[in-house]
Amino acid sequence: VFQDYSLLPELTALENVMKNPKHPVVAIVGGAKVSSKLSLLKKLVQQVDVLIPGGGIANTLLKARGFEIGQSLYEPDLIEEARNLLEFAKTFGCEIPLPSDVVVGKYFGETCPAFNKNLNQIANDDLIFDIGPETIHRYIEKINQAQTIIWNGPVGVFEFPQFAYGTRALAIAI
């Protein structure tokens, strides 16, 4: 029996919101791993109008759509599951907007320089660490239309200021 009591308040709050949400509902789900959130994502696409992915989840979805993501964190074993999720979402009318531009670096560190790039500019040695300004703008438009917002996890490496802008901008919009 699963008994993680630290999650109980969050799950109870989520359950209460999802019983009778005001539409449109926007869910933002970020973080490193798709595998730990795959069942949540499948459930959400059945209930929300827009699912905004971030972090390694977005990278895995981008890779599933055929985009080059350099050396970015993603889960290669879940590419097929990610493709299935994107198709599954369509059957429920759930939009999953993917980043069109990103902020990249060459290494994971506080002093790493940050560069904005469109997806077609990603180099083999780039690491995607945040969403770019165009993507932020598109996501904020979705947030501004929302009547209910659910948020779980950052959309970038918020621990470093040069890669925290996306997460901060979405938080400010909310």
N, C-alpha and C. Protein backbone atom coordinates (compact mmCIF):
# COMPACT_ATOMS: atom_id res chain seq x y z
N VAL A 1 0.85 -1.17 0.00
CA VAL A 1 0.00 0.00 0.00
C VAL A 1 0.89 1.24 0.00
N PHE A 2 0.60 2.17 -0.89
CA PHE A 2 1.37 3.41 -1.00
C PHE A 2 0.92 4.38 0.08
N GLN A 3 1.88 4.78 0.92
CA GLN A 3 1.53 5.69 2.02
C GLN A 3 2.55 6.82 2.12
N ASP A 4 2.55 7.70 1.16
CA ASP A 4 3.41 8.88 1.23
C ASP A 4 2.56 10.04 1.73
N TYR A 5 2.55 10.22 3.05
CA TYR A 5 1.68 11.22 3.65
C TYR A 5 2.06 12.65 3.30
N SER A 6 3.29 12.87 2.84
CA SER A 6 3.70 14.22 2.46
C SER A 6 2.94 14.68 1.21
N LEU A 7 2.50 13.76 0.38
CA LEU A 7 1.76 14.10 -0.83
C LEU A 7 0.27 14.21 -0.58
N LEU A 8 -0.21 13.69 0.53
CA LEU A 8 -1.65 13.64 0.78
C LEU A 8 -2.34 15.00 0.68
N PRO A 9 -1.80 16.05 1.32
CA PRO A 9 -2.47 17.36 1.19
C PRO A 9 -2.53 17.85 -0.25
N GLU A 10 -1.45 17.65 -1.02
CA GLU A 10 -1.42 18.08 -2.41
C GLU A 10 -2.44 17.30 -3.24
N LEU A 11 -2.49 15.98 -3.04
CA LEU A 11 -3.42 15.16 -3.81
C LEU A 11 -4.87 15.49 -3.45
N THR A 12 -5.13 15.76 -2.18
CA THR A 12 -6.48 16.13 -1.75
C THR A 12 -6.89 17.46 -2.38
N ALA A 13 -5.98 18.43 -2.37
CA ALA A 13 -6.27 19.74 -2.98
C ALA A 13 -6.51 19.58 -4.48
N LEU A 14 -5.68 18.79 -5.15
CA LEU A 14 -5.84 18.57 -6.59
C LEU A 14 -7.17 17.89 -6.89
N GLU A 15 -7.51 16.90 -6.09
CA GLU A 15 -8.78 16.20 -6.29
C GLU A 15 -9.97 17.15 -6.14
N ASN A 16 -9.92 18.03 -5.14
CA ASN A 16 -11.01 18.99 -4.93
C ASN A 16 -11.13 19.97 -6.10
N VAL A 17 -10.01 20.45 -6.61
CA VAL A 17 -10.03 21.38 -7.73
C VAL A 17 -10.56 20.70 -8.98
N MET A 18 -10.16 19.45 -9.20
CA MET A 18 -10.52 18.77 -10.43
C MET A 18 -11.95 18.21 -10.44
N LYS A 19 -12.63 18.24 -9.31
CA LYS A 19 -14.02 17.77 -9.27
C LYS A 19 -14.92 18.67 -10.10
N ASN A 20 -14.69 19.97 -10.02
CA ASN A 20 -15.54 20.91 -10.73
C ASN A 20 -14.72 22.14 -11.12
N PRO A 21 -13.75 21.96 -12.01
CA PRO A 21 -12.88 23.10 -12.35
C PRO A 21 -13.58 24.08 -13.28
N LYS A 22 -13.15 25.32 -13.20
CA LYS A 22 -13.61 26.33 -14.15
C LYS A 22 -12.70 26.24 -15.37
N HIS A 23 -13.31 26.17 -16.55
CA HIS A 23 -12.54 26.05 -17.80
C HIS A 23 -12.34 27.42 -18.43
N PRO A 24 -11.25 27.60 -19.16
CA PRO A 24 -10.23 26.63 -19.48
C PRO A 24 -9.30 26.33 -18.29
N VAL A 25 -8.89 25.06 -18.23
CA VAL A 25 -7.96 24.59 -17.21
C VAL A 25 -6.59 24.44 -17.85
N VAL A 26 -5.58 25.06 -17.23
CA VAL A 26 -4.19 24.95 -17.69
C VAL A 26 -3.39 24.25 -16.60
N ALA A 27 -2.66 23.21 -17.00
CA ALA A 27 -1.76 22.52 -16.08
C ALA A 27 -0.33 22.74 -16.57
N ILE A 28 0.55 23.10 -15.65
CA ILE A 28 1.98 23.24 -15.95
C ILE A 28 2.68 22.13 -15.18
N VAL A 29 3.36 21.25 -15.91
CA VAL A 29 4.05 20.13 -15.26
C VAL A 29 5.50 20.14 -15.73
N GLY A 30 6.38 20.45 -14.80
CA GLY A 30 7.79 20.49 -15.11
C GLY A 30 8.54 19.46 -14.30
N GLY A 31 9.85 19.54 -14.38
CA GLY A 31 10.68 18.62 -13.64
C GLY A 31 11.52 17.78 -14.59
N ALA A 32 12.38 16.98 -13.99
CA ALA A 32 13.37 16.24 -14.75
C ALA A 32 12.83 14.98 -15.42
N LYS A 33 11.99 14.24 -14.73
CA LYS A 33 11.66 12.90 -15.19
C LYS A 33 10.22 12.74 -15.66
N VAL A 34 10.08 12.17 -16.84
CA VAL A 34 8.77 11.82 -17.36
C VAL A 34 8.23 10.60 -16.61
N SER A 35 9.13 9.64 -16.35
CA SER A 35 8.69 8.36 -15.77
C SER A 35 7.96 8.55 -14.44
N SER A 36 8.40 9.52 -13.63
CA SER A 36 7.76 9.73 -12.33
C SER A 36 6.43 10.46 -12.47
N LYS A 37 6.14 11.04 -13.64
CA LYS A 37 4.92 11.82 -13.80
C LYS A 37 4.04 11.34 -14.95
N LEU A 38 4.39 10.19 -15.54
CA LEU A 38 3.66 9.73 -16.71
C LEU A 38 2.19 9.45 -16.40
N SER A 39 1.91 8.80 -15.29
CA SER A 39 0.51 8.51 -14.96
C SER A 39 -0.25 9.81 -14.68
N LEU A 40 0.43 10.78 -14.04
CA LEU A 40 -0.19 12.09 -13.80
C LEU A 40 -0.51 12.77 -15.13
N LEU A 41 0.44 12.74 -16.07
CA LEU A 41 0.24 13.38 -17.38
C LEU A 41 -0.93 12.74 -18.13
N LYS A 42 -1.02 11.41 -18.10
CA LYS A 42 -2.13 10.72 -18.78
C LYS A 42 -3.47 11.12 -18.17
N LYS A 43 -3.50 11.26 -16.87
CA LYS A 43 -4.74 11.66 -16.19
C LYS A 43 -5.08 13.12 -16.52
N LEU A 44 -4.07 13.98 -16.48
CA LEU A 44 -4.30 15.40 -16.73
C LEU A 44 -4.84 15.68 -18.13
N VAL A 45 -4.30 15.01 -19.14
CA VAL A 45 -4.75 15.30 -20.51
C VAL A 45 -6.23 14.95 -20.70
N GLN A 46 -6.77 14.14 -19.82
CA GLN A 46 -8.18 13.80 -19.89
C GLN A 46 -9.06 14.85 -19.21
N GLN A 47 -8.43 15.76 -18.45
CA GLN A 47 -9.20 16.71 -17.65
C GLN A 47 -8.90 18.18 -17.89
N VAL A 48 -7.76 18.47 -18.51
CA VAL A 48 -7.39 19.88 -18.68
C VAL A 48 -7.50 20.27 -20.15
N ASP A 49 -7.52 21.55 -20.38
CA ASP A 49 -7.60 22.07 -21.75
C ASP A 49 -6.21 22.28 -22.36
N VAL A 50 -5.25 22.65 -21.51
CA VAL A 50 -3.88 22.90 -21.96
C VAL A 50 -2.92 22.30 -20.94
N LEU A 51 -1.96 21.53 -21.43
CA LEU A 51 -0.92 20.95 -20.58
C LEU A 51 0.42 21.52 -21.05
N ILE A 52 1.03 22.35 -20.21
CA ILE A 52 2.31 22.97 -20.54
C ILE A 52 3.42 22.15 -19.89
N PRO A 53 4.27 21.49 -20.70
CA PRO A 53 5.36 20.71 -20.13
C PRO A 53 6.61 21.56 -19.95
N GLY A 54 7.43 21.18 -18.98
CA GLY A 54 8.69 21.88 -18.76
C GLY A 54 9.78 20.90 -18.42
N GLY A 55 11.02 21.39 -18.41
CA GLY A 55 12.17 20.58 -18.02
C GLY A 55 12.39 19.36 -18.88
N GLY A 56 12.83 18.27 -18.23
CA GLY A 56 13.10 17.02 -18.94
C GLY A 56 11.87 16.45 -19.60
N ILE A 57 10.70 16.77 -19.05
CA ILE A 57 9.44 16.31 -19.66
C ILE A 57 9.28 16.95 -21.03
N ALA A 58 9.48 18.26 -21.11
CA ALA A 58 9.39 18.96 -22.41
C ALA A 58 10.44 18.43 -23.37
N ASN A 59 11.66 18.20 -22.88
CA ASN A 59 12.73 17.70 -23.75
C ASN A 59 12.37 16.34 -24.34
N THR A 60 11.80 15.47 -23.52
CA THR A 60 11.40 14.15 -24.00
C THR A 60 10.30 14.27 -25.05
N LEU A 61 9.35 15.16 -24.84
CA LEU A 61 8.29 15.38 -25.82
C LEU A 61 8.85 15.99 -27.12
N LEU A 62 9.80 16.92 -26.98
CA LEU A 62 10.44 17.50 -28.17
C LEU A 62 11.15 16.41 -28.97
N LYS A 63 11.89 15.56 -28.28
CA LYS A 63 12.61 14.47 -28.94
C LYS A 63 11.62 13.53 -29.63
N ALA A 64 10.50 13.26 -28.96
CA ALA A 64 9.46 12.40 -29.54
C ALA A 64 8.88 13.00 -30.81
N ARG A 65 8.88 14.32 -30.91
CA ARG A 65 8.39 15.02 -32.10
C ARG A 65 9.48 15.17 -33.17
N GLY A 66 10.68 14.65 -32.90
CA GLY A 66 11.74 14.65 -33.90
C GLY A 66 12.70 15.82 -33.84
N PHE A 67 12.62 16.63 -32.79
CA PHE A 67 13.54 17.75 -32.66
C PHE A 67 14.87 17.30 -32.07
N GLU A 68 15.94 17.93 -32.51
CA GLU A 68 17.25 17.69 -31.92
C GLU A 68 17.34 18.50 -30.63
N ILE A 69 17.80 17.89 -29.58
CA ILE A 69 17.88 18.57 -28.28
C ILE A 69 19.29 18.54 -27.71
N GLY A 70 20.30 18.25 -28.56
CA GLY A 70 21.68 18.24 -28.11
C GLY A 70 21.90 17.21 -27.02
N GLN A 71 22.55 17.63 -25.94
CA GLN A 71 22.85 16.74 -24.81
C GLN A 71 21.86 16.95 -23.65
N SER A 72 20.73 17.53 -23.95
CA SER A 72 19.74 17.86 -22.92
C SER A 72 19.20 16.62 -22.22
N LEU A 73 18.81 16.83 -20.98
CA LEU A 73 18.20 15.78 -20.18
C LEU A 73 16.87 15.35 -20.80
N TYR A 74 16.73 14.05 -21.04
CA TYR A 74 15.46 13.49 -21.51
C TYR A 74 15.49 12.00 -21.20
N GLU A 75 14.38 11.33 -21.42
CA GLU A 75 14.31 9.90 -21.14
C GLU A 75 14.13 9.12 -22.43
N PRO A 76 15.24 8.61 -22.99
CA PRO A 76 15.19 7.91 -24.28
C PRO A 76 14.27 6.69 -24.28
N ASP A 77 14.15 6.01 -23.15
CA ASP A 77 13.30 4.81 -23.07
C ASP A 77 11.81 5.15 -23.13
N LEU A 78 11.48 6.43 -23.00
CA LEU A 78 10.06 6.82 -22.97
C LEU A 78 9.62 7.62 -24.20
N ILE A 79 10.43 7.59 -25.25
CA ILE A 79 10.09 8.33 -26.47
C ILE A 79 8.75 7.84 -27.04
N GLU A 80 8.57 6.54 -27.14
CA GLU A 80 7.33 6.01 -27.69
C GLU A 80 6.14 6.36 -26.80
N GLU A 81 6.33 6.28 -25.48
CA GLU A 81 5.27 6.68 -24.54
C GLU A 81 4.94 8.16 -24.70
N ALA A 82 5.97 8.98 -24.94
CA ALA A 82 5.75 10.41 -25.14
C ALA A 82 4.95 10.66 -26.40
N ARG A 83 5.27 9.95 -27.48
CA ARG A 83 4.49 10.06 -28.73
C ARG A 83 3.03 9.68 -28.47
N ASN A 84 2.85 8.59 -27.74
CA ASN A 84 1.50 8.13 -27.42
C ASN A 84 0.75 9.17 -26.60
N LEU A 85 1.43 9.80 -25.66
CA LEU A 85 0.80 10.83 -24.83
C LEU A 85 0.34 12.00 -25.69
N LEU A 86 1.18 12.43 -26.63
CA LEU A 86 0.82 13.55 -27.51
C LEU A 86 -0.42 13.21 -28.34
N GLU A 87 -0.51 11.98 -28.82
CA GLU A 87 -1.69 11.55 -29.59
C GLU A 87 -2.91 11.37 -28.68
N PHE A 88 -2.68 10.79 -27.51
CA PHE A 88 -3.75 10.57 -26.54
C PHE A 88 -4.39 11.91 -26.16
N ALA A 89 -3.58 12.93 -25.98
CA ALA A 89 -4.08 14.26 -25.61
C ALA A 89 -5.03 14.80 -26.67
N LYS A 90 -4.70 14.56 -27.94
CA LYS A 90 -5.56 15.04 -29.03
C LYS A 90 -6.97 14.45 -28.93
N THR A 91 -7.07 13.19 -28.53
CA THR A 91 -8.39 12.55 -28.46
C THR A 91 -9.27 13.18 -27.39
N PHE A 92 -8.66 13.85 -26.42
CA PHE A 92 -9.41 14.52 -25.37
C PHE A 92 -9.49 16.03 -25.58
N GLY A 93 -8.96 16.52 -26.70
CA GLY A 93 -9.00 17.95 -26.98
C GLY A 93 -8.05 18.75 -26.10
N CYS A 94 -7.03 18.09 -25.57
CA CYS A 94 -6.05 18.77 -24.72
C CYS A 94 -4.88 19.23 -25.58
N GLU A 95 -4.58 20.51 -25.52
CA GLU A 95 -3.45 21.08 -26.26
C GLU A 95 -2.18 20.93 -25.42
N ILE A 96 -1.11 20.44 -26.05
CA ILE A 96 0.20 20.39 -25.39
C ILE A 96 1.15 21.25 -26.21
N PRO A 97 1.26 22.54 -25.86
CA PRO A 97 2.19 23.40 -26.60
C PRO A 97 3.63 23.08 -26.20
N LEU A 98 4.47 22.90 -27.18
CA LEU A 98 5.88 22.62 -26.91
C LEU A 98 6.71 23.88 -27.13
N PRO A 99 7.85 23.97 -26.48
CA PRO A 99 8.71 25.16 -26.67
C PRO A 99 9.10 25.33 -28.14
N SER A 100 9.15 26.57 -28.58
CA SER A 100 9.63 26.89 -29.93
C SER A 100 11.02 27.52 -29.87
N ASP A 101 11.35 28.03 -28.69
CA ASP A 101 12.70 28.55 -28.45
C ASP A 101 13.07 28.21 -27.01
N VAL A 102 14.37 28.13 -26.77
CA VAL A 102 14.86 27.67 -25.48
C VAL A 102 16.10 28.47 -25.08
N VAL A 103 16.48 28.31 -23.82
CA VAL A 103 17.73 28.88 -23.33
C VAL A 103 18.67 27.71 -23.07
N VAL A 104 19.84 27.77 -23.68
CA VAL A 104 20.79 26.66 -23.58
C VAL A 104 22.10 27.12 -22.94
N GLY A 105 22.84 26.13 -22.49
CA GLY A 105 24.19 26.31 -22.00
C GLY A 105 25.02 25.13 -22.44
N LYS A 106 26.29 25.16 -22.10
CA LYS A 106 27.20 24.08 -22.49
C LYS A 106 27.52 23.15 -21.32
N TYR A 107 27.23 23.59 -20.09
CA TYR A 107 27.47 22.75 -18.91
C TYR A 107 26.51 23.17 -17.81
N PHE A 108 26.31 22.28 -16.86
CA PHE A 108 25.41 22.53 -15.74
C PHE A 108 26.21 23.21 -14.64
N GLY A 109 26.01 24.52 -14.48
CA GLY A 109 26.75 25.23 -13.45
C GLY A 109 26.31 26.67 -13.32
N GLU A 110 26.59 27.23 -12.17
CA GLU A 110 26.16 28.59 -11.85
C GLU A 110 26.80 29.64 -12.75
N THR A 111 27.99 29.36 -13.28
CA THR A 111 28.68 30.34 -14.12
C THR A 111 28.51 30.08 -15.62
N CYS A 112 27.68 29.13 -15.97
CA CYS A 112 27.47 28.78 -17.38
C CYS A 112 26.77 29.92 -18.12
N PRO A 113 27.35 30.40 -19.22
CA PRO A 113 26.66 31.41 -20.03
C PRO A 113 25.38 30.85 -20.65
N ALA A 114 24.37 31.70 -20.77
CA ALA A 114 23.07 31.31 -21.32
C ALA A 114 22.88 31.93 -22.69
N PHE A 115 22.29 31.16 -23.60
CA PHE A 115 22.03 31.64 -24.96
C PHE A 115 20.61 31.27 -25.37
N ASN A 116 19.88 32.22 -25.93
CA ASN A 116 18.55 31.95 -26.48
C ASN A 116 18.72 31.35 -27.86
N LYS A 117 17.99 30.27 -28.13
CA LYS A 117 18.06 29.63 -29.45
C LYS A 117 16.68 29.12 -29.86
N ASN A 118 16.42 29.20 -31.16
CA ASN A 118 15.25 28.52 -31.71
C ASN A 118 15.57 27.03 -31.76
N LEU A 119 14.54 26.21 -31.81
CA LEU A 119 14.77 24.76 -31.79
C LEU A 119 15.63 24.27 -32.94
N ASN A 120 15.54 24.92 -34.09
CA ASN A 120 16.33 24.48 -35.25
C ASN A 120 17.80 24.90 -35.14
N GLN A 121 18.19 25.59 -34.07
CA GLN A 121 19.58 26.05 -33.88
C GLN A 121 20.33 25.25 -32.82
N ILE A 122 19.72 24.23 -32.25
CA ILE A 122 20.34 23.49 -31.15
C ILE A 122 21.57 22.73 -31.67
N ALA A 123 22.71 22.97 -31.03
CA ALA A 123 23.95 22.28 -31.39
C ALA A 123 24.05 20.95 -30.64
N ASN A 124 24.90 20.07 -31.14
CA ASN A 124 25.07 18.74 -30.53
C ASN A 124 25.49 18.80 -29.07
N ASP A 125 26.22 19.85 -28.70
CA ASP A 125 26.72 19.93 -27.32
C ASP A 125 25.90 20.90 -26.44
N ASP A 126 24.75 21.37 -26.94
CA ASP A 126 23.88 22.25 -26.16
C ASP A 126 23.09 21.45 -25.13
N LEU A 127 22.80 22.12 -24.03
CA LEU A 127 21.92 21.59 -22.98
C LEU A 127 20.78 22.59 -22.81
N ILE A 128 19.55 22.13 -22.97
CA ILE A 128 18.39 23.00 -22.79
C ILE A 128 18.14 23.13 -21.30
N PHE A 129 18.16 24.40 -20.81
CA PHE A 129 17.99 24.66 -19.39
C PHE A 129 16.77 25.52 -19.05
N ASP A 130 16.09 26.06 -20.07
CA ASP A 130 14.93 26.91 -19.80
C ASP A 130 14.15 27.12 -21.09
N ILE A 131 12.95 27.67 -20.95
CA ILE A 131 12.18 28.05 -22.13
C ILE A 131 12.61 29.45 -22.55
N GLY A 132 12.49 29.73 -23.85
CA GLY A 132 12.91 31.02 -24.38
C GLY A 132 11.80 32.06 -24.35
N PRO A 133 12.12 33.31 -24.74
CA PRO A 133 11.17 34.42 -24.65
C PRO A 133 9.90 34.23 -25.48
N GLU A 134 10.02 33.70 -26.68
CA GLU A 134 8.83 33.48 -27.51
C GLU A 134 7.91 32.44 -26.85
N THR A 135 8.50 31.38 -26.33
CA THR A 135 7.72 30.34 -25.65
C THR A 135 7.07 30.91 -24.39
N ILE A 136 7.81 31.70 -23.63
CA ILE A 136 7.26 32.33 -22.43
C ILE A 136 6.02 33.14 -22.81
N HIS A 137 6.13 33.92 -23.87
CA HIS A 137 5.00 34.75 -24.32
C HIS A 137 3.79 33.89 -24.66
N ARG A 138 4.01 32.80 -25.41
CA ARG A 138 2.89 31.92 -25.79
C ARG A 138 2.26 31.27 -24.56
N TYR A 139 3.10 30.84 -23.62
CA TYR A 139 2.58 30.19 -22.40
C TYR A 139 1.82 31.18 -21.52
N ILE A 140 2.30 32.41 -21.44
CA ILE A 140 1.59 33.42 -20.66
C ILE A 140 0.22 33.72 -21.27
N GLU A 141 0.12 33.70 -22.60
CA GLU A 141 -1.19 33.87 -23.23
C GLU A 141 -2.16 32.78 -22.78
N LYS A 142 -1.69 31.55 -22.70
CA LYS A 142 -2.53 30.43 -22.23
C LYS A 142 -2.91 30.63 -20.77
N ILE A 143 -1.96 31.07 -19.95
CA ILE A 143 -2.22 31.31 -18.53
C ILE A 143 -3.25 32.42 -18.35
N ASN A 144 -3.12 33.48 -19.14
CA ASN A 144 -4.06 34.60 -19.03
C ASN A 144 -5.49 34.22 -19.41
N GLN A 145 -5.66 33.19 -20.23
CA GLN A 145 -6.99 32.73 -20.62
C GLN A 145 -7.58 31.73 -19.62
N ALA A 146 -6.74 31.21 -18.74
CA ALA A 146 -7.16 30.14 -17.82
C ALA A 146 -8.08 30.65 -16.72
N GLN A 147 -9.00 29.80 -16.34
CA GLN A 147 -9.85 30.03 -15.17
C GLN A 147 -9.37 29.18 -13.99
N THR A 148 -8.67 28.09 -14.30
CA THR A 148 -8.09 27.22 -13.28
C THR A 148 -6.67 26.88 -13.72
N ILE A 149 -5.72 26.96 -12.79
CA ILE A 149 -4.33 26.65 -13.09
C ILE A 149 -3.82 25.66 -12.06
N ILE A 150 -3.17 24.62 -12.56
CA ILE A 150 -2.52 23.62 -11.71
C ILE A 150 -1.05 23.66 -12.09
N TRP A 151 -0.17 23.71 -11.09
CA TRP A 151 1.26 23.81 -11.40
C TRP A 151 2.04 22.82 -10.54
N ASN A 152 2.90 22.03 -11.20
CA ASN A 152 3.76 21.09 -10.51
C ASN A 152 5.12 21.08 -11.17
N GLY A 153 6.10 21.68 -10.56
CA GLY A 153 7.48 21.63 -11.06
C GLY A 153 7.88 22.80 -11.93
N PRO A 154 9.18 23.12 -11.92
CA PRO A 154 9.70 24.25 -12.71
C PRO A 154 9.80 23.90 -14.19
N VAL A 155 9.84 24.94 -15.02
CA VAL A 155 10.01 24.73 -16.46
C VAL A 155 11.46 24.87 -16.89
N GLY A 156 12.34 25.22 -15.96
CA GLY A 156 13.76 25.36 -16.25
C GLY A 156 14.59 25.08 -15.02
N VAL A 157 15.90 25.24 -15.18
CA VAL A 157 16.84 25.04 -14.07
C VAL A 157 16.84 26.33 -13.24
N PHE A 158 15.81 26.47 -12.41
CA PHE A 158 15.58 27.71 -11.68
C PHE A 158 16.64 27.97 -10.60
N GLU A 159 17.46 26.99 -10.30
CA GLU A 159 18.50 27.17 -9.28
C GLU A 159 19.57 28.18 -9.71
N PHE A 160 19.72 28.35 -11.03
CA PHE A 160 20.70 29.29 -11.56
C PHE A 160 19.95 30.47 -12.19
N PRO A 161 20.26 31.71 -11.81
CA PRO A 161 19.49 32.88 -12.28
C PRO A 161 19.36 32.98 -13.79
N GLN A 162 20.40 32.63 -14.53
CA GLN A 162 20.35 32.77 -15.99
C GLN A 162 19.40 31.76 -16.65
N PHE A 163 18.95 30.74 -15.88
CA PHE A 163 18.02 29.75 -16.41
C PHE A 163 16.71 29.72 -15.62
N ALA A 164 16.45 30.74 -14.85
CA ALA A 164 15.25 30.79 -14.00
C ALA A 164 14.17 31.70 -14.56
N TYR A 165 14.46 32.43 -15.62
CA TYR A 165 13.52 33.44 -16.10
C TYR A 165 12.18 32.84 -16.51
N GLY A 166 12.18 31.71 -17.19
CA GLY A 166 10.93 31.10 -17.63
C GLY A 166 10.02 30.75 -16.47
N THR A 167 10.58 30.09 -15.47
CA THR A 167 9.79 29.71 -14.30
C THR A 167 9.29 30.95 -13.58
N ARG A 168 10.14 31.96 -13.40
CA ARG A 168 9.74 33.20 -12.74
C ARG A 168 8.65 33.93 -13.51
N ALA A 169 8.80 33.99 -14.84
CA ALA A 169 7.82 34.70 -15.68
C ALA A 169 6.45 34.03 -15.59
N LEU A 170 6.41 32.71 -15.59
CA LEU A 170 5.13 32.02 -15.47
C LEU A 170 4.52 32.24 -14.09
N ALA A 171 5.36 32.23 -13.06
CA ALA A 171 4.87 32.47 -11.70
C ALA A 171 4.28 33.88 -11.58
N ILE A 172 4.96 34.85 -12.15
CA ILE A 172 4.46 36.24 -12.11
C ILE A 172 3.13 36.34 -12.88
N ALA A 173 3.03 35.66 -14.02
CA ALA A 173 1.79 35.68 -14.80
C ALA A 173 0.63 35.08 -14.02
N ILE A 174 0.92 34.02 -13.31
CA ILE A 174 -0.13 33.38 -12.50
C ILE A 174 -0.56 34.29 -11.38
